[in-house]
Amino acid sequence: MSVATEATIYLFSYGTLQDKAVQIANFGRELSGSADAMLGYDQHWVEITDPEVLATSGKTHHPILRPGSADSAPIAGMVFQITPQELAAADSYEVSDYKRVSVSLASGIEAWVYVSA
């Protein structure tokens, strides 16, 4: 008898979740991933005021995505395979300006990504 395994979880990052220091602080390890892109969104910037996030990322402004149009430029980033616990850690890291949504990346991979709330 085979044991059911959890579905693979993919996380797409176009911002600070690609940084080694942010990954180690949130996941306890450096993630390995592959380059990918997201379509139909435009990149903007959001000011970060959460002291913990500021300390972890070292940046006062983080990129944020808002729905764009069919001719929006692809948003380059990295797609990572993560655990359910790491997804929960990413949820805790992201400030309230962001919400997590599922998208289909340029590669066809279905991944979670944080966009403008």
N, C-alpha and C. Protein backbone atom coordinates (compact mmCIF):
# COMPACT_ATOMS: atom_id res chain seq x y z
N MET A 1 0.85 -1.17 0.00
CA MET A 1 0.00 0.00 0.00
C MET A 1 0.89 1.24 0.00
N SER A 2 0.57 2.21 -0.86
CA SER A 2 1.36 3.43 -0.92
C SER A 2 0.77 4.49 0.01
N VAL A 3 1.65 5.33 0.50
CA VAL A 3 1.24 6.41 1.38
C VAL A 3 1.02 7.66 0.53
N ALA A 4 -0.07 8.35 0.75
CA ALA A 4 -0.35 9.58 0.01
C ALA A 4 0.67 10.64 0.40
N THR A 5 1.17 11.36 -0.61
CA THR A 5 2.11 12.43 -0.33
C THR A 5 1.42 13.77 -0.55
N GLU A 6 1.92 14.78 0.14
CA GLU A 6 1.35 16.11 -0.01
C GLU A 6 1.69 16.65 -1.40
N ALA A 7 0.81 17.46 -1.93
CA ALA A 7 1.07 18.09 -3.23
C ALA A 7 2.28 19.00 -3.13
N THR A 8 3.01 19.09 -4.21
CA THR A 8 4.16 19.98 -4.26
C THR A 8 3.69 21.43 -4.17
N ILE A 9 4.38 22.21 -3.35
CA ILE A 9 4.05 23.62 -3.19
C ILE A 9 5.15 24.44 -3.85
N TYR A 10 4.74 25.33 -4.74
CA TYR A 10 5.68 26.23 -5.39
C TYR A 10 5.39 27.66 -4.94
N LEU A 11 6.46 28.42 -4.73
CA LEU A 11 6.36 29.82 -4.35
C LEU A 11 7.18 30.63 -5.34
N PHE A 12 6.54 31.64 -5.96
CA PHE A 12 7.23 32.52 -6.89
C PHE A 12 7.61 33.79 -6.15
N SER A 13 8.86 34.20 -6.27
CA SER A 13 9.33 35.44 -5.65
C SER A 13 9.92 36.36 -6.70
N TYR A 14 9.51 37.61 -6.64
CA TYR A 14 10.05 38.66 -7.50
C TYR A 14 10.75 39.72 -6.65
N GLY A 15 10.87 39.45 -5.35
CA GLY A 15 11.41 40.45 -4.43
C GLY A 15 12.32 39.84 -3.38
N THR A 16 12.12 40.27 -2.13
CA THR A 16 13.07 39.96 -1.05
C THR A 16 13.12 38.49 -0.66
N LEU A 17 12.10 37.70 -0.99
CA LEU A 17 12.16 36.27 -0.67
C LEU A 17 13.22 35.54 -1.51
N GLN A 18 13.82 36.25 -2.47
CA GLN A 18 14.94 35.69 -3.22
C GLN A 18 16.27 35.88 -2.48
N ASP A 19 16.29 36.79 -1.49
CA ASP A 19 17.52 37.11 -0.77
C ASP A 19 17.89 35.99 0.20
N LYS A 20 19.16 35.58 0.16
CA LYS A 20 19.64 34.50 1.03
C LYS A 20 19.36 34.79 2.51
N ALA A 21 19.65 36.02 2.95
CA ALA A 21 19.46 36.37 4.37
C ALA A 21 17.99 36.28 4.78
N VAL A 22 17.09 36.70 3.90
CA VAL A 22 15.65 36.63 4.18
C VAL A 22 15.21 35.17 4.23
N GLN A 23 15.72 34.34 3.32
CA GLN A 23 15.37 32.91 3.32
C GLN A 23 15.84 32.23 4.60
N ILE A 24 17.07 32.49 5.00
CA ILE A 24 17.60 31.85 6.21
C ILE A 24 16.82 32.31 7.44
N ALA A 25 16.49 33.61 7.50
CA ALA A 25 15.73 34.13 8.64
C ALA A 25 14.33 33.53 8.73
N ASN A 26 13.70 33.28 7.58
CA ASN A 26 12.31 32.80 7.58
C ASN A 26 12.16 31.29 7.47
N PHE A 27 13.08 30.63 6.75
CA PHE A 27 12.94 29.20 6.48
C PHE A 27 14.04 28.36 7.12
N GLY A 28 15.07 29.01 7.66
CA GLY A 28 16.16 28.26 8.26
C GLY A 28 17.08 27.60 7.25
N ARG A 29 16.93 27.95 5.97
CA ARG A 29 17.77 27.39 4.92
C ARG A 29 17.73 28.30 3.70
N GLU A 30 18.70 28.10 2.82
CA GLU A 30 18.70 28.81 1.55
C GLU A 30 17.91 27.97 0.56
N LEU A 31 16.97 28.60 -0.13
CA LEU A 31 16.15 27.88 -1.10
C LEU A 31 16.87 27.79 -2.44
N SER A 32 16.64 26.69 -3.15
CA SER A 32 17.14 26.62 -4.52
C SER A 32 15.92 26.65 -5.43
N GLY A 33 16.05 27.35 -6.52
CA GLY A 33 14.91 27.50 -7.41
C GLY A 33 15.35 27.67 -8.84
N SER A 34 14.40 28.03 -9.67
CA SER A 34 14.71 28.27 -11.07
C SER A 34 14.04 29.56 -11.53
N ALA A 35 14.66 30.19 -12.52
CA ALA A 35 14.14 31.44 -13.05
C ALA A 35 12.80 31.19 -13.73
N ASP A 36 11.87 32.12 -13.57
CA ASP A 36 10.55 32.02 -14.19
C ASP A 36 10.03 33.45 -14.30
N ALA A 37 8.82 33.60 -14.78
CA ALA A 37 8.22 34.93 -14.92
C ALA A 37 6.73 34.85 -14.71
N MET A 38 6.17 35.99 -14.33
CA MET A 38 4.74 36.12 -14.09
C MET A 38 4.17 37.12 -15.09
N LEU A 39 3.02 36.81 -15.62
CA LEU A 39 2.41 37.64 -16.64
C LEU A 39 1.15 38.32 -16.12
N GLY A 40 0.79 39.47 -16.73
CA GLY A 40 -0.46 40.14 -16.41
C GLY A 40 -0.45 41.04 -15.18
N TYR A 41 0.75 41.36 -14.70
CA TYR A 41 0.87 42.23 -13.53
C TYR A 41 1.88 43.33 -13.82
N ASP A 42 1.77 44.43 -13.06
CA ASP A 42 2.73 45.54 -13.14
C ASP A 42 3.38 45.69 -11.77
N GLN A 43 4.69 46.01 -11.77
CA GLN A 43 5.41 46.17 -10.51
C GLN A 43 5.36 47.62 -10.03
N HIS A 44 5.10 47.77 -8.73
CA HIS A 44 5.11 49.05 -8.05
C HIS A 44 5.98 48.87 -6.81
N TRP A 45 6.01 49.86 -5.91
CA TRP A 45 6.80 49.79 -4.67
C TRP A 45 5.92 50.12 -3.48
N VAL A 46 6.19 49.45 -2.36
CA VAL A 46 5.47 49.71 -1.12
C VAL A 46 6.49 50.01 -0.02
N GLU A 47 6.18 51.03 0.81
CA GLU A 47 7.07 51.35 1.93
C GLU A 47 6.84 50.35 3.06
N ILE A 48 7.93 49.84 3.60
CA ILE A 48 7.87 48.86 4.68
C ILE A 48 8.12 49.58 5.99
N THR A 49 7.21 49.41 6.96
CA THR A 49 7.35 50.04 8.27
C THR A 49 7.46 49.02 9.40
N ASP A 50 7.20 47.73 9.10
CA ASP A 50 7.30 46.68 10.12
C ASP A 50 8.77 46.51 10.51
N PRO A 51 9.12 46.76 11.80
CA PRO A 51 10.52 46.71 12.22
C PRO A 51 11.21 45.37 11.95
N GLU A 52 10.48 44.26 12.15
CA GLU A 52 11.06 42.93 11.94
C GLU A 52 11.39 42.71 10.46
N VAL A 53 10.47 43.09 9.58
CA VAL A 53 10.68 42.93 8.15
C VAL A 53 11.81 43.85 7.68
N LEU A 54 11.84 45.08 8.19
CA LEU A 54 12.93 46.01 7.87
C LEU A 54 14.29 45.43 8.27
N ALA A 55 14.34 44.85 9.47
CA ALA A 55 15.59 44.28 9.97
C ALA A 55 16.02 43.08 9.12
N THR A 56 15.06 42.27 8.71
CA THR A 56 15.37 41.06 7.94
C THR A 56 15.81 41.39 6.52
N SER A 57 15.07 42.27 5.86
CA SER A 57 15.36 42.56 4.45
C SER A 57 16.41 43.66 4.28
N GLY A 58 16.49 44.58 5.26
CA GLY A 58 17.40 45.69 5.13
C GLY A 58 16.94 46.73 4.12
N LYS A 59 15.69 46.64 3.69
CA LYS A 59 15.17 47.55 2.66
C LYS A 59 13.91 48.25 3.15
N THR A 60 13.81 49.57 2.88
CA THR A 60 12.65 50.35 3.30
C THR A 60 11.50 50.24 2.30
N HIS A 61 11.77 49.83 1.08
CA HIS A 61 10.74 49.68 0.06
C HIS A 61 10.88 48.31 -0.61
N HIS A 62 9.77 47.62 -0.75
CA HIS A 62 9.75 46.31 -1.40
C HIS A 62 8.90 46.40 -2.66
N PRO A 63 9.24 45.60 -3.68
CA PRO A 63 8.37 45.58 -4.86
C PRO A 63 7.03 44.93 -4.52
N ILE A 64 6.00 45.36 -5.22
CA ILE A 64 4.65 44.80 -5.04
C ILE A 64 3.98 44.78 -6.40
N LEU A 65 3.20 43.75 -6.66
CA LEU A 65 2.54 43.60 -7.96
C LEU A 65 1.07 43.93 -7.86
N ARG A 66 0.59 44.63 -8.89
CA ARG A 66 -0.84 44.92 -9.03
C ARG A 66 -1.28 44.40 -10.39
N PRO A 67 -2.54 43.98 -10.51
CA PRO A 67 -3.00 43.48 -11.81
C PRO A 67 -2.72 44.49 -12.92
N GLY A 68 -2.21 43.98 -14.02
CA GLY A 68 -1.90 44.82 -15.17
C GLY A 68 -2.79 44.44 -16.33
N SER A 69 -2.20 44.46 -17.51
CA SER A 69 -2.96 44.12 -18.71
C SER A 69 -2.21 43.04 -19.48
N ALA A 70 -2.80 42.62 -20.60
CA ALA A 70 -2.19 41.57 -21.42
C ALA A 70 -0.83 42.01 -21.96
N ASP A 71 -0.62 43.32 -22.12
CA ASP A 71 0.66 43.80 -22.64
C ASP A 71 1.63 44.24 -21.55
N SER A 72 1.33 43.92 -20.28
CA SER A 72 2.27 44.22 -19.20
C SER A 72 3.55 43.40 -19.41
N ALA A 73 4.68 44.00 -19.09
CA ALA A 73 5.97 43.30 -19.21
C ALA A 73 6.00 42.12 -18.25
N PRO A 74 6.61 41.00 -18.65
CA PRO A 74 6.73 39.87 -17.71
C PRO A 74 7.52 40.29 -16.47
N ILE A 75 7.10 39.78 -15.31
CA ILE A 75 7.79 40.05 -14.06
C ILE A 75 8.75 38.89 -13.81
N ALA A 76 10.05 39.17 -13.87
CA ALA A 76 11.05 38.13 -13.66
C ALA A 76 11.18 37.80 -12.19
N GLY A 77 11.50 36.55 -11.90
CA GLY A 77 11.71 36.12 -10.53
C GLY A 77 12.19 34.69 -10.47
N MET A 78 12.04 34.10 -9.30
CA MET A 78 12.45 32.72 -9.07
C MET A 78 11.28 31.93 -8.51
N VAL A 79 11.19 30.67 -8.92
CA VAL A 79 10.17 29.78 -8.37
C VAL A 79 10.89 28.74 -7.50
N PHE A 80 10.39 28.58 -6.27
CA PHE A 80 10.99 27.69 -5.29
C PHE A 80 10.01 26.60 -4.90
N GLN A 81 10.51 25.40 -4.65
CA GLN A 81 9.69 24.32 -4.11
C GLN A 81 9.86 24.38 -2.59
N ILE A 82 8.74 24.51 -1.86
CA ILE A 82 8.80 24.70 -0.41
C ILE A 82 7.85 23.74 0.30
N THR A 83 7.96 23.70 1.62
CA THR A 83 7.10 22.86 2.45
C THR A 83 5.90 23.68 2.94
N PRO A 84 4.86 23.01 3.44
CA PRO A 84 3.73 23.75 4.03
C PRO A 84 4.17 24.66 5.18
N GLN A 85 5.14 24.22 5.98
CA GLN A 85 5.63 25.04 7.09
C GLN A 85 6.33 26.29 6.56
N GLU A 86 7.07 26.15 5.47
CA GLU A 86 7.75 27.30 4.88
C GLU A 86 6.76 28.28 4.26
N LEU A 87 5.66 27.76 3.71
CA LEU A 87 4.62 28.65 3.18
C LEU A 87 4.00 29.45 4.32
N ALA A 88 3.78 28.82 5.46
CA ALA A 88 3.24 29.52 6.63
C ALA A 88 4.24 30.58 7.11
N ALA A 89 5.54 30.27 7.05
CA ALA A 89 6.56 31.25 7.46
C ALA A 89 6.57 32.44 6.50
N ALA A 90 6.39 32.18 5.21
CA ALA A 90 6.33 33.26 4.22
C ALA A 90 5.10 34.14 4.49
N ASP A 91 3.97 33.50 4.83
CA ASP A 91 2.76 34.26 5.17
C ASP A 91 3.03 35.21 6.34
N SER A 92 3.78 34.73 7.33
CA SER A 92 4.09 35.55 8.51
C SER A 92 5.03 36.69 8.16
N TYR A 93 5.93 36.47 7.22
CA TYR A 93 6.91 37.49 6.83
C TYR A 93 6.27 38.64 6.07
N GLU A 94 5.34 38.33 5.19
CA GLU A 94 4.75 39.36 4.34
C GLU A 94 3.84 40.28 5.16
N VAL A 95 3.97 41.59 4.94
CA VAL A 95 3.17 42.57 5.66
C VAL A 95 1.75 42.62 5.08
N SER A 96 0.86 43.33 5.75
CA SER A 96 -0.56 43.34 5.38
C SER A 96 -0.85 43.97 4.02
N ASP A 97 0.15 44.62 3.41
CA ASP A 97 -0.04 45.19 2.07
C ASP A 97 -0.16 44.08 1.02
N TYR A 98 0.27 42.87 1.39
CA TYR A 98 0.30 41.75 0.45
C TYR A 98 -0.77 40.71 0.77
N LYS A 99 -1.21 40.01 -0.28
CA LYS A 99 -2.05 38.83 -0.10
C LYS A 99 -1.46 37.74 -0.99
N ARG A 100 -1.69 36.48 -0.61
CA ARG A 100 -1.16 35.35 -1.37
C ARG A 100 -2.22 34.86 -2.36
N VAL A 101 -1.82 34.73 -3.62
CA VAL A 101 -2.72 34.22 -4.66
C VAL A 101 -2.00 33.14 -5.46
N SER A 102 -2.77 32.30 -6.11
CA SER A 102 -2.22 31.26 -6.98
C SER A 102 -2.22 31.77 -8.41
N VAL A 103 -1.09 31.60 -9.10
CA VAL A 103 -0.98 32.04 -10.49
C VAL A 103 -0.31 30.95 -11.32
N SER A 104 -0.53 31.03 -12.62
CA SER A 104 0.17 30.17 -13.56
C SER A 104 1.34 30.98 -14.12
N LEU A 105 2.55 30.48 -13.91
CA LEU A 105 3.75 31.19 -14.36
C LEU A 105 3.99 30.96 -15.85
N ALA A 106 4.93 31.70 -16.43
CA ALA A 106 5.26 31.57 -17.85
C ALA A 106 5.63 30.13 -18.21
N SER A 107 6.24 29.41 -17.25
CA SER A 107 6.65 28.02 -17.47
C SER A 107 5.48 27.05 -17.44
N GLY A 108 4.31 27.52 -16.95
CA GLY A 108 3.16 26.64 -16.77
C GLY A 108 3.01 26.13 -15.36
N ILE A 109 4.01 26.37 -14.50
CA ILE A 109 3.94 25.94 -13.09
C ILE A 109 2.89 26.78 -12.36
N GLU A 110 2.07 26.11 -11.56
CA GLU A 110 1.12 26.80 -10.69
C GLU A 110 1.84 27.11 -9.39
N ALA A 111 1.90 28.38 -9.01
CA ALA A 111 2.65 28.78 -7.82
C ALA A 111 1.90 29.82 -7.02
N TRP A 112 2.22 29.86 -5.73
CA TRP A 112 1.74 30.93 -4.86
C TRP A 112 2.63 32.15 -5.08
N VAL A 113 2.05 33.32 -4.97
CA VAL A 113 2.81 34.57 -5.07
C VAL A 113 2.10 35.61 -4.23
N TYR A 114 2.87 36.57 -3.72
CA TYR A 114 2.30 37.65 -2.92
C TYR A 114 2.15 38.88 -3.80
N VAL A 115 0.92 39.40 -3.88
CA VAL A 115 0.60 40.57 -4.70
C VAL A 115 -0.09 41.61 -3.80
N SER A 116 -0.39 42.75 -4.36
CA SER A 116 -1.03 43.82 -3.60
C SER A 116 -2.39 43.38 -3.04
N ALA A 117 -2.57 43.62 -1.74
CA ALA A 117 -3.85 43.29 -1.11
C ALA A 117 -4.87 44.33 -1.48
